[in-house]
Protein backbone atom coordinates (compact mmCIF):
# COMPACT_ATOMS: atom_id res chain seq x y z
CA MET A 1 11.20 52.01 -26.34
CA GLU A 2 9.69 51.86 -29.92
CA ALA A 3 7.43 54.51 -30.76
CA LYS A 4 3.90 53.49 -32.61
CA ILE A 5 2.71 56.69 -34.21
CA GLU A 6 0.57 57.20 -36.98
CA SER A 7 1.98 55.78 -40.26
CA LYS A 8 0.76 58.58 -42.24
CA SER A 9 3.19 61.11 -40.39
CA ILE A 10 6.02 59.14 -41.58
CA GLU A 11 7.89 59.95 -44.89
CA ALA A 12 9.93 57.61 -46.41
CA THR A 13 13.68 58.86 -46.75
CA LYS A 14 17.51 58.28 -49.05
CA GLU A 15 18.71 56.84 -45.60
CA MET A 16 16.35 53.93 -45.66
CA GLY A 17 17.43 52.94 -49.24
CA TYR A 18 21.09 52.91 -48.41
CA LEU A 19 20.08 50.57 -45.42
CA CYS A 20 18.50 48.00 -47.74
CA PHE A 21 21.59 48.30 -49.78
CA GLU A 22 24.01 47.60 -46.58
CA ALA A 23 21.74 44.61 -45.75
CA ILE A 24 21.41 42.94 -48.70
CA LYS A 25 25.74 43.84 -49.39
CA THR A 26 26.56 42.44 -45.91
CA PHE A 27 24.63 39.13 -46.22
CA ILE A 28 26.62 38.56 -49.51
CA GLU A 29 29.47 39.22 -47.71
CA LYS A 30 28.53 37.41 -44.31
CA THR A 31 29.15 40.47 -42.25
CA GLU A 32 26.85 42.39 -39.93
CA VAL A 33 24.75 45.78 -40.48
CA LYS A 34 26.35 48.67 -38.20
CA LYS A 35 22.89 50.00 -37.23
CA GLU A 36 24.83 52.88 -35.63
CA LEU A 37 25.14 54.52 -39.38
CA PHE A 38 21.50 54.90 -39.59
CA ASP A 39 19.49 57.72 -37.95
CA LEU A 40 16.24 56.67 -38.69
CA PRO A 41 13.07 57.06 -36.70
CA LYS A 42 12.43 54.41 -33.89
CA VAL A 43 8.77 53.98 -34.94
CA SER A 44 6.76 50.81 -36.17
CA CYS A 45 5.43 50.83 -39.86
CA PRO A 46 4.04 48.72 -42.86
CA LEU A 47 5.97 48.43 -45.63
CA PHE A 48 7.65 46.88 -49.00
CA VAL A 49 11.17 46.61 -50.83
CA THR A 50 11.64 46.02 -53.84
CA TYR A 51 14.17 46.18 -56.06
CA ASP A 52 14.79 46.30 -59.91
CA LYS A 53 17.36 45.33 -62.25
CA LEU A 54 19.11 47.93 -65.16
CA ARG A 55 18.89 45.86 -68.47
CA ASP A 56 18.96 47.71 -71.57
CA LYS A 57 18.73 50.77 -70.13
CA GLU A 58 15.27 49.72 -68.34
CA TYR A 59 14.50 48.22 -65.34
CA GLU A 60 12.90 45.41 -64.53
CA LEU A 61 11.31 43.48 -61.28
CA ARG A 62 13.88 41.85 -59.45
CA GLY A 63 11.98 41.18 -56.33
CA CYS A 64 9.13 42.78 -53.97
CA ILE A 65 8.27 41.63 -50.39
CA GLY A 66 6.94 43.51 -47.70
CA THR A 67 4.97 43.49 -44.55
CA PHE A 68 1.01 44.80 -43.54
CA GLY A 69 2.52 44.19 -39.83
CA SER A 70 3.56 47.29 -38.24
CA GLN A 71 6.84 46.47 -36.39
CA PRO A 72 10.08 48.31 -35.78
CA LEU A 73 11.64 49.55 -38.49
CA ILE A 74 15.26 49.57 -38.91
CA GLU A 75 14.63 45.48 -38.25
CA THR A 76 12.06 45.41 -41.02
CA LEU A 77 13.96 47.14 -43.42
CA ILE A 78 16.55 44.68 -43.40
CA LYS A 79 14.46 41.72 -43.08
CA TYR A 80 12.32 42.67 -45.75
CA SER A 81 15.20 43.69 -48.37
CA ARG A 82 16.52 40.44 -47.99
CA TYR A 83 13.54 38.58 -48.29
CA SER A 84 13.20 40.64 -51.54
CA ALA A 85 16.69 40.18 -52.84
CA PHE A 86 17.29 36.37 -51.64
CA HIS A 87 13.72 34.63 -51.10
CA ASP A 88 11.36 36.14 -53.64
CA SER A 89 10.06 32.65 -55.20
CA ARG A 90 9.43 34.30 -58.62
CA PHE A 91 13.38 35.05 -58.96
CA SER A 92 16.57 33.29 -58.10
CA PRO A 93 18.92 35.02 -55.49
CA VAL A 94 20.74 38.08 -56.01
CA GLY A 95 24.24 37.99 -56.70
CA SER A 96 26.72 39.94 -56.10
CA LYS A 97 27.83 40.81 -59.60
CA GLU A 98 24.03 42.13 -59.83
CA LEU A 99 24.47 44.58 -57.02
CA PRO A 100 25.75 47.51 -59.38
CA TYR A 101 22.69 46.93 -61.48
CA LEU A 102 20.03 47.27 -59.03
CA ARG A 103 17.60 50.03 -57.61
CA CYS A 104 15.91 50.11 -54.24
CA THR A 105 12.26 51.62 -53.69
CA VAL A 106 11.03 51.65 -50.47
CA SER A 107 7.28 51.74 -50.01
CA LEU A 108 6.01 52.85 -46.60
CA LEU A 109 2.56 51.98 -46.36
CA THR A 110 0.01 54.92 -44.78
CA ASN A 111 -3.51 55.77 -44.69
CA PHE A 112 -5.08 52.40 -44.27
CA GLU A 113 -8.83 53.28 -45.09
CA GLN A 114 -11.95 50.12 -45.47
CA ALA A 115 -13.44 50.97 -49.18
CA LYS A 116 -17.09 50.93 -49.56
CA ASN A 117 -16.97 48.56 -52.52
CA TYR A 118 -14.40 47.25 -54.97
CA LEU A 119 -13.86 50.06 -57.21
CA ASP A 120 -13.98 52.45 -54.17
CA TRP A 121 -10.14 53.49 -55.05
CA GLU A 122 -8.45 56.14 -57.47
CA VAL A 123 -5.56 54.50 -59.56
CA GLY A 124 -2.14 55.79 -59.14
CA LYS A 125 -3.18 57.37 -55.29
CA HIS A 126 -3.99 53.97 -53.66
CA GLY A 127 -2.76 50.96 -53.64
CA ILE A 128 -5.10 48.29 -53.34
CA GLU A 129 -5.57 44.67 -51.01
CA ILE A 130 -8.27 42.42 -51.33
CA ASN A 131 -9.74 39.76 -49.43
CA PHE A 132 -12.71 37.35 -50.81
CA GLY A 133 -13.48 33.60 -50.46
CA SER A 134 -11.74 30.87 -48.26
CA GLY A 135 -8.64 32.85 -47.34
CA TYR A 136 -7.94 34.22 -50.98
CA SER A 137 -5.97 37.57 -50.58
CA ALA A 138 -3.44 39.57 -52.70
CA THR A 139 -2.27 43.39 -52.69
CA PHE A 140 -0.91 45.94 -55.53
CA LEU A 141 1.08 48.78 -54.59
CA PRO A 142 0.11 52.02 -55.58
CA GLU A 143 2.32 52.36 -58.54
CA VAL A 144 1.37 49.13 -60.03
CA ALA A 145 -1.90 50.02 -61.47
CA GLU A 146 -0.69 53.34 -63.13
CA GLU A 147 2.62 51.76 -64.64
CA GLU A 148 0.88 49.23 -66.13
CA ASN A 149 -1.87 51.65 -67.62
CA TRP A 150 -4.93 49.50 -66.16
CA ASP A 151 -8.21 50.66 -65.66
CA LYS A 152 -9.82 49.84 -61.77
CA GLU A 153 -12.22 46.89 -62.96
CA THR A 154 -8.67 45.53 -65.13
CA THR A 155 -6.63 45.57 -62.17
CA ILE A 156 -9.09 43.98 -59.89
CA LYS A 157 -9.22 41.16 -62.48
CA HIS A 158 -5.28 40.58 -62.51
CA LEU A 159 -5.23 41.05 -58.34
CA VAL A 160 -7.67 38.39 -58.42
CA ARG A 161 -5.98 36.07 -60.30
CA LYS A 162 -2.39 37.39 -58.73
CA ALA A 163 -4.96 35.95 -55.36
CA GLY A 164 -4.87 32.25 -57.17
CA TYR A 165 -8.70 32.51 -58.09
CA TYR A 166 -9.70 31.41 -61.64
CA GLY A 167 -12.99 31.30 -61.61
CA GLN A 168 -15.73 33.11 -63.06
CA LEU A 169 -15.84 36.94 -61.99
CA SER A 170 -19.47 37.82 -61.93
CA LYS A 171 -20.78 41.36 -60.89
CA SER A 172 -21.82 39.52 -57.39
CA PHE A 173 -18.38 37.97 -56.68
CA LYS A 174 -16.86 41.39 -57.68
CA GLU A 175 -19.35 42.89 -55.29
CA SER A 176 -18.39 39.97 -52.50
CA ILE A 177 -14.69 41.48 -52.46
CA LYS A 178 -13.62 43.12 -49.53
CA LEU A 179 -10.89 45.57 -50.36
CA THR A 180 -8.60 47.87 -48.25
CA ARG A 181 -6.79 51.10 -50.22
CA TYR A 182 -3.90 52.56 -48.79
CA GLN A 183 -1.17 55.30 -49.89
CA SER A 184 2.28 55.17 -49.49
CA SER A 185 5.48 57.36 -49.02
CA ILE A 186 8.19 56.05 -51.83
CA VAL A 187 11.85 56.52 -52.01
CA GLN A 188 13.99 55.21 -54.76
CA VAL A 189 17.77 54.96 -54.41
CA THR A 190 20.40 53.31 -56.98
CA TYR A 191 23.39 51.02 -55.59
CA ASP A 192 25.78 53.84 -57.33
CA GLU A 193 23.95 56.19 -54.78
CA TYR A 194 24.91 53.99 -51.96
CA ILE A 195 27.94 53.44 -52.50
CA GLU A 196 28.54 57.59 -52.80
CA TRP A 197 26.88 58.08 -49.15
CA ARG A 198 28.82 54.94 -48.20
CA LYS A 199 32.01 56.95 -49.05
CA THR A 200 31.16 59.81 -46.91
CA ILE A 201 30.64 57.76 -43.45
């Protein structure tokens, strides 16, 4: 039976990144993931899987999809690693020739809290999910605002636009935003690291 534990007690590991690469490589090769190769906790956890591609010595986003649902870890990593690589509508599906240039980031989401207001969070520490109006919602992972050099007000502006709202951002509008803050445990694995690990099994 899958254990449902407090997600704050689980940490991302390199093995989770190896599983994500195994999931997309087997998808391309039309083979099955051998789950028995992976000794991961039998727990449920919200997570995101991100792929970045190395170009001119810098990594650029290649796909990022995740879930706030708490589902079995191994199956969720397989599912969302493939969604991120092949079904992010912002990008074309990852091809086999791109694999050597990819880096995978696994973000396990933890410590969810309802914020007091839209500014009740810390840049570099919290990811944020906003909900407002008739069904508008969007999220940024904890690293986004810091990487973009945004302050909290700027981050909220970009997140509102990401949600698809382009109206006036008045004081009363921003005060109507319901914000959930969370933290994450992150691990990054390159394709080369995955290949080296694969040689050991």
